Protein backbone atom coordinates (compact mmCIF):
# COMPACT_ATOMS: atom_id res chain seq x y z
CA MET A 1 3.62 -29.12 10.07
CA PHE A 2 -0.13 -29.57 10.06
CA LYS A 3 -0.54 -26.59 12.39
CA MET A 4 1.61 -24.42 10.11
CA LEU A 5 -0.50 -25.36 7.08
CA SER A 6 -3.65 -24.48 8.98
CA ILE A 7 -2.25 -21.07 9.89
CA LEU A 8 -1.28 -20.42 6.27
CA LYS A 9 -4.72 -21.48 5.09
CA VAL A 10 -6.43 -19.10 7.53
CA ALA A 11 -4.08 -16.27 6.54
CA ARG A 12 -4.77 -16.89 2.85
CA LYS A 13 -8.52 -16.89 3.44
CA PHE A 14 -8.19 -13.62 5.36
CA LEU A 15 -6.20 -11.96 2.57
CA ASP A 16 -8.59 -13.20 -0.12
CA LYS A 17 -11.51 -11.78 1.82
CA ASN A 18 -9.82 -8.38 2.04
CA LYS A 19 -9.22 -8.36 -1.71
CA GLN A 20 -12.92 -8.79 -2.50
CA ILE A 21 -14.78 -5.74 -3.77
CA PRO A 22 -18.04 -5.22 -1.81
CA PRO A 23 -21.34 -4.78 -3.67
CA LEU A 24 -22.14 -1.23 -4.75
CA PRO A 25 -24.91 -0.62 -2.16
CA GLU A 26 -22.48 -1.46 0.65
CA SER A 27 -19.76 0.74 -0.84
CA GLN A 28 -22.30 3.52 -1.23
CA ASP A 29 -22.93 3.79 2.52
CA HIS A 30 -19.23 3.86 3.36
CA PHE A 31 -18.38 6.28 0.56
CA LYS A 32 -21.05 8.76 1.65
CA ASN A 33 -19.77 8.70 5.24
CA TRP A 34 -16.20 9.10 4.00
CA THR A 35 -17.10 12.22 1.98
CA ALA A 36 -18.31 13.81 5.23
CA THR A 37 -14.81 13.60 6.72
CA LYS A 38 -12.25 16.39 6.33
CA TYR A 39 -10.18 14.42 3.84
CA GLY A 40 -13.26 13.36 1.86
CA LYS A 41 -14.52 16.94 1.68
CA TYR A 42 -11.10 18.04 0.45
CA ILE A 43 -11.11 15.47 -2.37
CA ILE A 44 -14.66 16.38 -3.46
CA GLN A 45 -13.71 20.06 -3.45
CA GLU A 46 -10.66 19.38 -5.63
CA GLU A 47 -12.74 17.29 -8.02
CA SER A 48 -15.31 20.09 -8.33
CA SER A 49 -12.54 22.58 -9.06
CA ALA A 50 -11.11 20.35 -11.80
CA LEU A 51 -14.51 19.77 -13.42
CA LYS A 52 -15.12 23.51 -13.74
CA ASN A 53 -12.44 23.60 -16.43
CA ILE A 54 -13.74 20.55 -18.30
CA LEU A 55 -17.53 20.23 -18.44
CA PRO A 56 -18.33 23.77 -19.71
CA ASP A 57 -16.23 23.04 -22.83
CA ILE A 58 -18.50 20.11 -23.76
CA ASN A 59 -21.63 21.25 -25.57
CA SER A 60 -24.30 18.58 -25.98
CA HIS A 61 -27.89 17.82 -25.14
CA ARG A 62 -28.04 14.99 -22.59
CA MET A 63 -25.60 14.00 -19.82
CA MET A 64 -25.80 10.90 -17.63
CA GLN A 65 -23.93 10.48 -14.34
CA LEU A 66 -23.02 7.16 -12.77
CA GLY A 67 -21.74 7.39 -9.22
CA LEU A 68 -22.11 6.10 -5.72
CA VAL A 69 -23.84 9.21 -4.39
CA SER A 70 -25.58 11.51 -6.85
CA GLN A 71 -26.27 14.19 -4.23
CA LEU A 72 -22.61 15.10 -3.77
CA ASN A 73 -21.92 18.79 -4.17
CA LEU A 74 -19.70 18.57 -7.24
CA SER A 75 -20.90 21.89 -8.67
CA LEU A 76 -21.50 20.38 -12.10
CA ARG A 77 -21.73 23.41 -14.37
CA SER A 78 -22.15 22.22 -17.92
CA ASN A 79 -23.79 23.24 -21.18
CA HIS A 80 -26.13 20.24 -21.24
CA LEU A 81 -29.84 20.84 -21.58
CA HIS A 82 -30.76 17.69 -19.68
CA SER A 83 -28.81 15.77 -17.05
CA PHE A 84 -29.72 12.87 -14.80
CA SER A 85 -27.97 10.30 -12.63
CA PHE A 86 -28.10 6.63 -11.73
CA GLY A 87 -27.06 5.16 -8.38
CA PRO A 88 -27.02 1.66 -6.90
CA LEU A 89 -30.11 0.43 -5.10
CA ASN A 90 -29.80 1.39 -1.44
CA THR A 91 -32.67 1.97 0.98
CA ASN A 92 -30.57 4.33 3.12
CA ILE A 93 -29.58 6.73 0.31
CA LEU A 94 -31.97 8.47 -2.08
CA ASN A 95 -30.87 8.59 -5.72
CA SER A 96 -32.49 10.16 -8.76
CA ALA A 97 -32.78 6.69 -10.30
CA VAL A 98 -31.37 3.27 -9.42
CA SER A 99 -29.87 0.68 -11.71
CA ASP A 100 -27.03 -1.79 -12.02
CA PHE A 101 -24.20 0.03 -13.74
CA ASP A 102 -23.48 -2.88 -16.07
CA THR A 103 -27.13 -3.18 -17.27
CA LEU A 104 -28.49 0.32 -17.82
CA PRO A 105 -32.20 0.59 -18.77
CA LEU A 106 -31.43 2.85 -21.75
CA PRO A 107 -31.43 2.37 -25.53
CA SER A 108 -28.10 2.27 -27.32
CA GLU A 109 -26.47 5.52 -28.50
CA THR A 110 -28.81 7.91 -26.69
CA ILE A 111 -26.46 9.82 -24.33
CA ASP A 112 -24.22 12.68 -25.42
CA THR A 113 -21.98 12.77 -22.33
CA VAL A 114 -21.36 10.03 -19.75
CA PHE A 115 -19.86 11.10 -16.44
CA LEU A 116 -18.42 8.30 -14.29
CA HIS A 117 -17.69 9.50 -10.76
CA HIS A 118 -15.69 6.71 -9.07
CA ALA A 119 -18.09 4.24 -10.67
CA LEU A 120 -15.39 2.02 -12.16
CA GLU A 121 -13.09 1.30 -9.23
CA PHE A 122 -15.94 0.49 -6.83
CA SER A 123 -17.78 -1.82 -9.26
CA GLN A 124 -17.08 -5.53 -9.06
CA HIS A 125 -16.71 -5.69 -12.86
CA PRO A 126 -15.38 -2.29 -14.00
CA HIS A 127 -14.75 -3.33 -17.60
CA GLU A 128 -18.42 -4.31 -17.95
CA VAL A 129 -19.49 -0.92 -16.58
CA LEU A 130 -17.28 0.85 -19.11
CA LYS A 131 -18.63 -1.36 -21.89
CA GLU A 132 -22.21 -0.48 -20.93
CA ALA A 133 -21.35 3.22 -20.79
CA SER A 134 -19.93 2.95 -24.30
CA ARG A 135 -23.12 1.25 -25.50
CA VAL A 136 -25.42 4.11 -24.45
CA LEU A 137 -22.95 6.79 -25.62
CA LYS A 138 -23.65 8.40 -28.99
CA PRO A 139 -20.98 8.47 -31.71
CA SER A 140 -18.80 11.56 -31.19
CA GLY A 141 -20.07 11.68 -27.60
CA TYR A 142 -17.81 12.31 -24.62
CA ILE A 143 -17.05 10.24 -21.55
CA VAL A 144 -15.62 11.92 -18.44
CA MET A 145 -14.17 9.74 -15.69
CA ILE A 146 -12.85 10.51 -12.21
CA ILE A 147 -10.87 7.60 -10.77
CA PHE A 148 -8.74 7.21 -7.65
CA ASN A 149 -5.05 7.08 -8.53
CA PRO A 150 -3.52 3.78 -7.31
CA VAL A 151 0.05 5.16 -7.35
CA SER A 152 -0.74 8.14 -5.14
CA MET A 153 -0.26 8.30 -1.38
CA PHE A 154 -3.98 7.70 -0.97
CA GLY A 155 -3.92 4.74 -3.37
CA LEU A 156 -0.91 3.09 -1.74
CA LEU A 157 -2.33 3.58 1.73
CA LYS A 158 -5.35 1.39 1.03
CA PHE A 159 -3.31 -1.84 1.02
CA PRO A 160 -2.23 -1.76 4.69
CA VAL A 161 -5.39 -0.01 5.88
CA ARG A 162 -7.83 -2.55 4.48
CA LEU A 163 -6.16 -5.29 6.51
CA PHE A 164 -7.52 -3.67 9.65
CA SER A 165 -10.56 -1.78 8.36
CA SER A 166 -13.83 -3.07 6.93
CA ASN A 167 -14.60 0.27 5.29
CA ALA A 168 -15.40 -0.26 1.60
CA VAL A 169 -13.59 2.99 0.70
CA TRP A 170 -10.30 1.13 1.11
CA ARG A 171 -11.48 -1.85 -0.94
CA HIS A 172 -11.66 -0.75 -4.53
CA HIS A 173 -9.91 -1.68 -7.75
CA GLY A 174 -6.57 -0.03 -8.32
CA LEU A 175 -7.07 1.11 -11.92
CA ARG A 176 -3.99 2.60 -13.51
CA ARG A 177 -4.45 5.28 -16.13
CA GLY A 178 -2.81 3.14 -18.81
CA ARG A 179 -5.11 0.22 -18.07
CA VAL A 180 -8.24 2.34 -18.44
CA LEU A 181 -6.92 3.85 -21.68
CA ASP A 182 -6.42 0.33 -23.06
CA TRP A 183 -10.05 -0.51 -22.25
CA LEU A 184 -11.19 2.66 -23.98
CA LYS A 185 -9.12 1.86 -27.05
CA LEU A 186 -10.89 -1.48 -27.44
CA LEU A 187 -14.23 0.38 -27.37
CA SER A 188 -13.13 2.87 -30.08
CA ILE A 189 -12.98 5.67 -27.50
CA ARG A 190 -9.92 7.90 -27.59
CA PRO A 191 -8.79 10.47 -25.01
CA THR A 192 -8.92 14.10 -26.03
CA LYS A 193 -5.76 16.18 -25.98
CA PRO A 194 -4.39 17.66 -23.87
CA LEU A 195 -5.28 15.01 -21.32
CA PRO A 196 -6.38 16.58 -18.01
CA ARG A 197 -3.77 16.32 -15.27
CA ASP A 198 -4.18 15.05 -11.76
CA CYS A 199 -5.22 17.26 -8.90
CA PRO A 200 -2.43 18.54 -6.61
CA PRO A 201 -1.50 15.80 -4.17
CA PRO A 202 -3.05 16.56 -0.76
CA CYS A 203 -0.21 16.71 1.74
CA SER A 204 -2.78 17.70 4.35
CA TYR A 205 -6.55 17.87 4.12
CA SER A 206 -6.93 20.48 6.87
CA SER A 207 -6.26 23.38 4.51
CA ARG A 208 -5.79 23.83 0.78
CA ARG A 209 -2.62 25.87 1.11
CA ASN A 210 -0.69 22.75 2.16
CA ALA A 211 -1.39 21.26 -1.28
CA ASP A 212 1.09 23.75 -2.72
CA GLY A 213 3.96 21.89 -1.12
CA LEU A 214 7.07 20.40 -2.66
CA LEU A 215 5.36 17.28 -3.99
CA ALA A 216 2.65 19.35 -5.69
CA ARG A 217 5.23 21.59 -7.39
CA ILE A 218 7.14 18.55 -8.65
CA SER A 219 3.91 17.02 -9.96
CA ASN A 220 2.88 20.19 -11.78
CA LYS A 221 6.32 20.88 -13.26
CA TYR A 222 7.15 17.40 -14.54
CA GLN A 223 3.53 16.16 -14.96
CA MET A 224 4.12 13.26 -12.59
CA PHE A 225 0.79 11.93 -11.50
CA PHE A 226 0.89 11.87 -7.71
CA GLY A 227 -2.63 13.19 -7.14
CA ALA A 228 -5.25 11.25 -5.23
CA PHE A 229 -7.40 11.03 -8.36
CA TYR A 230 -7.07 11.49 -12.09
CA ILE A 231 -9.50 12.57 -14.79
CA ILE A 232 -9.90 11.19 -18.30
CA VAL A 233 -11.92 12.92 -21.00
CA ALA A 234 -12.41 10.78 -24.11
CA LYS A 235 -14.47 10.84 -27.30
CA LYS A 236 -16.23 7.99 -29.03
CA TYR A 237 -15.32 7.42 -32.66
CA VAL A 238 -17.44 5.07 -34.76
CA SER A 239 -16.39 4.31 -38.30
CA ARG A 240 -19.18 4.29 -40.86
CA ALA A 241 -19.19 2.73 -44.31
CA ILE A 242 -18.92 5.34 -47.09
CA PHE A 243 -20.08 4.42 -50.57
CA SER A 244 -19.05 6.28 -53.70
CA GLU A 245 -21.81 7.77 -55.84
CA ASN A 246 -20.17 6.41 -59.01
CA THR A 247 -20.26 2.84 -57.85
CA SER A 248 -21.44 0.61 -60.66
CA TRP A 249 -23.34 -2.45 -59.59
CA GLU A 250 -22.77 -5.50 -61.74
CA SER A 251 -25.60 -7.95 -62.08
CA LEU A 252 -24.89 -11.56 -61.40
CA SER A 253 -25.79 -14.03 -64.12
CA ILE A 254 -27.94 -16.71 -62.60
CA PRO A 255 -28.67 -19.77 -64.72
CA VAL A 256 -32.36 -20.28 -65.34
CA THR A 257 -33.74 -23.73 -66.00
CA ALA A 258 -36.79 -24.35 -68.12
CA SER A 259 -39.98 -24.97 -66.19
CA THR A 260 -41.52 -28.40 -66.36
CA LYS A 261 -45.23 -28.98 -66.69
CA LYS A 262 -46.83 -31.28 -64.19
CA SER A 263 -48.67 -34.19 -65.66
CA SER A 264 -52.05 -34.99 -64.22
CA VAL A 265 -52.81 -38.60 -63.48
CA ASN A 266 -56.43 -39.63 -63.74
CA SER A 267 -57.42 -42.28 -61.38
């Protein structure tokens, strides 16, 4: 009995360790190596293709990108006059600027467009990252997010793979679309319509023609989200107080007491 309890305790410790999300600098190394693989290149290429139909429609001045690797060839073609990126502190990877994603060194309401490239699911506290992104976002500004789909073949595969692999790519938060939309709703950020659809599910990463298979046609026809990632484009709405010009201000009657004169005492 004692031996069985010991085995269960070791197994539980092993499973808890595999559930832990590594720090961003560690995930950054693994993610960069993963994007150099055939499957990783395929995903990045599909993400670039999807962004071509989204970012050019957003006209604003300043865009900020939060992601693991800012040097990825995403072919970001947008109508922003100024764009920059933040990455986690890592001595092996050069970023434009480094910062913790949940404590950005920026004033509030200064960014027109925030682009989160897999920044949420690989952060240890994704809701705090989203809250910080909302803080620096201007009213009527846009937030664009690319997130791995937990109900895709890629998302479901991470559960058995991470039991045998220490690669941080397989250890990220499984963030459902509905869960992220609930977080956005609490921050007064609403998705634009129509909501962008998932990429075609990659049946094989060796060639793009295989993505036009049966599962891709089902996904496109019935809008069933089987793709390896999904995209959310949302807009920040901030309600302001509006006062009528004909507002009459009534004065409050404050009782006034008579002043008393101090008496001087001669010693």
